[in-house]
Amino acid sequence: MILPQILRLSSLFLSDVSLHLRRNIGFSAIMFNKVKELDPVQKLFLDKIREYNTKSKQAGGPVDAGPDFQKDMNESLARLQRAYGEGDLTKFPEFKFQEPKFEETQK
């Protein structure tokens, strides 16, 4: 009675381990692939991402965004501030958690 349960659990464990190994091997093959060995389309894609990253750092924001984008952004921020209150909505909020105060009670 116990033997079939053990065999069933071992087969589930084996299938789970093999799935994780296949995923990790597939991911590591992509991750350790050298740039010179990339597919030309993949290389072009990575080059464009790097180019956009440098342009956005130089511009200090979105690249090739016209005045319409800035107008829409300001309107959206104003609408959100009316809905959710004050504060800078362009930054991630900072959370401050305080330790709870526990009191011992006598039994």
Protein backbone atom coordinates (compact mmCIF):
# COMPACT_ATOMS: atom_id res chain seq x y z
CA MET A 1 0.00 0.00 0.00
CA ILE A 2 2.83 2.39 0.79
CA LEU A 3 4.96 1.25 -2.15
CA PRO A 4 2.57 2.56 -4.87
CA GLN A 5 2.39 5.93 -3.13
CA ILE A 6 6.19 6.14 -2.91
CA LEU A 7 6.53 5.22 -6.59
CA ARG A 8 3.93 7.79 -7.59
CA LEU A 9 5.64 10.52 -5.55
CA SER A 10 9.05 9.61 -6.94
CA SER A 11 7.73 9.82 -10.51
CA LEU A 12 6.20 13.25 -9.76
CA PHE A 13 9.47 14.38 -8.22
CA LEU A 14 11.44 13.10 -11.20
CA SER A 15 9.20 14.86 -13.71
CA ASP A 16 9.41 18.12 -11.72
CA VAL A 17 13.20 17.95 -11.53
CA SER A 18 13.52 17.19 -15.24
CA LEU A 19 11.26 20.12 -16.10
CA HIS A 20 13.38 22.52 -14.05
CA LEU A 21 16.59 21.18 -15.55
CA ARG A 22 15.28 21.63 -19.10
CA ARG A 23 14.21 25.21 -18.34
CA ASN A 24 17.52 26.10 -16.72
CA ILE A 25 19.59 24.59 -19.50
CA GLY A 26 17.53 26.38 -22.14
CA PHE A 27 17.81 29.70 -20.32
CA SER A 28 21.53 29.38 -19.67
CA ALA A 29 22.17 28.58 -23.33
CA ILE A 30 20.56 31.87 -24.33
CA MET A 31 22.18 33.81 -21.51
CA PHE A 32 25.75 32.67 -22.20
CA ASN A 33 25.46 33.07 -25.95
CA LYS A 34 28.15 35.44 -27.18
CA VAL A 35 27.22 38.56 -29.16
CA LYS A 36 29.25 37.50 -32.17
CA GLU A 37 27.30 34.22 -32.32
CA LEU A 38 23.87 35.91 -32.24
CA ASP A 39 21.40 35.74 -35.02
CA PRO A 40 21.58 38.97 -37.10
CA VAL A 41 18.02 39.89 -36.12
CA GLN A 42 18.78 39.35 -32.42
CA LYS A 43 21.96 41.41 -32.73
CA LEU A 44 20.04 44.24 -34.42
CA PHE A 45 17.42 44.12 -31.67
CA LEU A 46 20.05 44.30 -28.90
CA ASP A 47 21.85 47.14 -30.68
CA LYS A 48 18.62 49.16 -30.92
CA ILE A 49 17.87 48.59 -27.23
CA ARG A 50 21.37 49.75 -26.26
CA GLU A 51 21.09 52.77 -28.58
CA TYR A 52 17.73 53.75 -27.05
CA ASN A 53 19.18 53.33 -23.56
CA THR A 54 22.05 55.76 -24.28
CA LYS A 55 19.69 58.26 -25.96
CA SER A 56 17.24 58.16 -23.05
CA LYS A 57 20.06 58.74 -20.55
CA GLN A 58 21.25 61.74 -22.57
CA ALA A 59 17.75 63.16 -22.98
CA GLY A 60 16.77 62.44 -19.37
CA GLY A 61 13.47 60.84 -20.38
CA PRO A 62 11.62 59.38 -23.36
CA VAL A 63 13.38 59.63 -26.72
CA ASP A 64 11.75 61.43 -29.66
CA ALA A 65 8.76 62.47 -27.55
CA GLY A 66 7.13 65.55 -28.99
CA PRO A 67 5.13 68.28 -27.27
CA ASP A 68 1.94 66.21 -27.59
CA PHE A 69 3.46 63.50 -25.39
CA GLN A 70 4.49 66.01 -22.74
CA LYS A 71 1.02 67.61 -22.82
CA ASP A 72 -0.69 64.23 -22.41
CA MET A 73 1.72 63.31 -19.61
CA ASN A 74 1.01 66.53 -17.70
CA GLU A 75 -2.76 66.09 -18.10
CA SER A 76 -2.57 62.50 -16.86
CA LEU A 77 -0.49 63.49 -13.85
CA ALA A 78 -2.90 66.31 -12.99
CA ARG A 79 -5.86 63.93 -13.24
CA LEU A 80 -4.13 61.36 -11.02
CA GLN A 81 -3.20 63.99 -8.43
CA ARG A 82 -6.81 65.12 -8.27
CA ALA A 83 -7.92 61.52 -7.82
CA TYR A 84 -5.27 60.30 -5.37
CA GLY A 85 -4.05 63.41 -3.59
CA GLU A 86 -0.77 65.24 -3.37
CA GLY A 87 2.72 63.95 -3.90
CA ASP A 88 5.14 63.34 -6.73
CA LEU A 89 3.54 60.71 -8.97
CA THR A 90 6.63 60.26 -11.15
CA LYS A 91 8.57 58.53 -8.33
CA PHE A 92 8.00 55.19 -6.69
CA PRO A 93 6.48 55.61 -3.21
CA GLU A 94 8.59 55.04 -0.14
CA PHE A 95 7.12 52.74 2.45
CA LYS A 96 7.93 53.00 6.14
CA PHE A 97 7.01 50.03 8.26
CA GLN A 98 7.08 50.31 12.03
CA GLU A 99 7.67 47.39 14.30
CA PRO A 100 4.52 46.42 16.18
CA LYS A 101 4.59 46.78 19.95
CA PHE A 102 3.74 43.53 21.67
CA GLU A 103 2.73 43.33 25.28
CA GLU A 104 2.94 40.23 27.38
CA THR A 105 -0.14 39.27 29.31
CA GLN A 106 -0.06 37.11 32.38
CA LYS A 107 -2.12 33.98 32.43
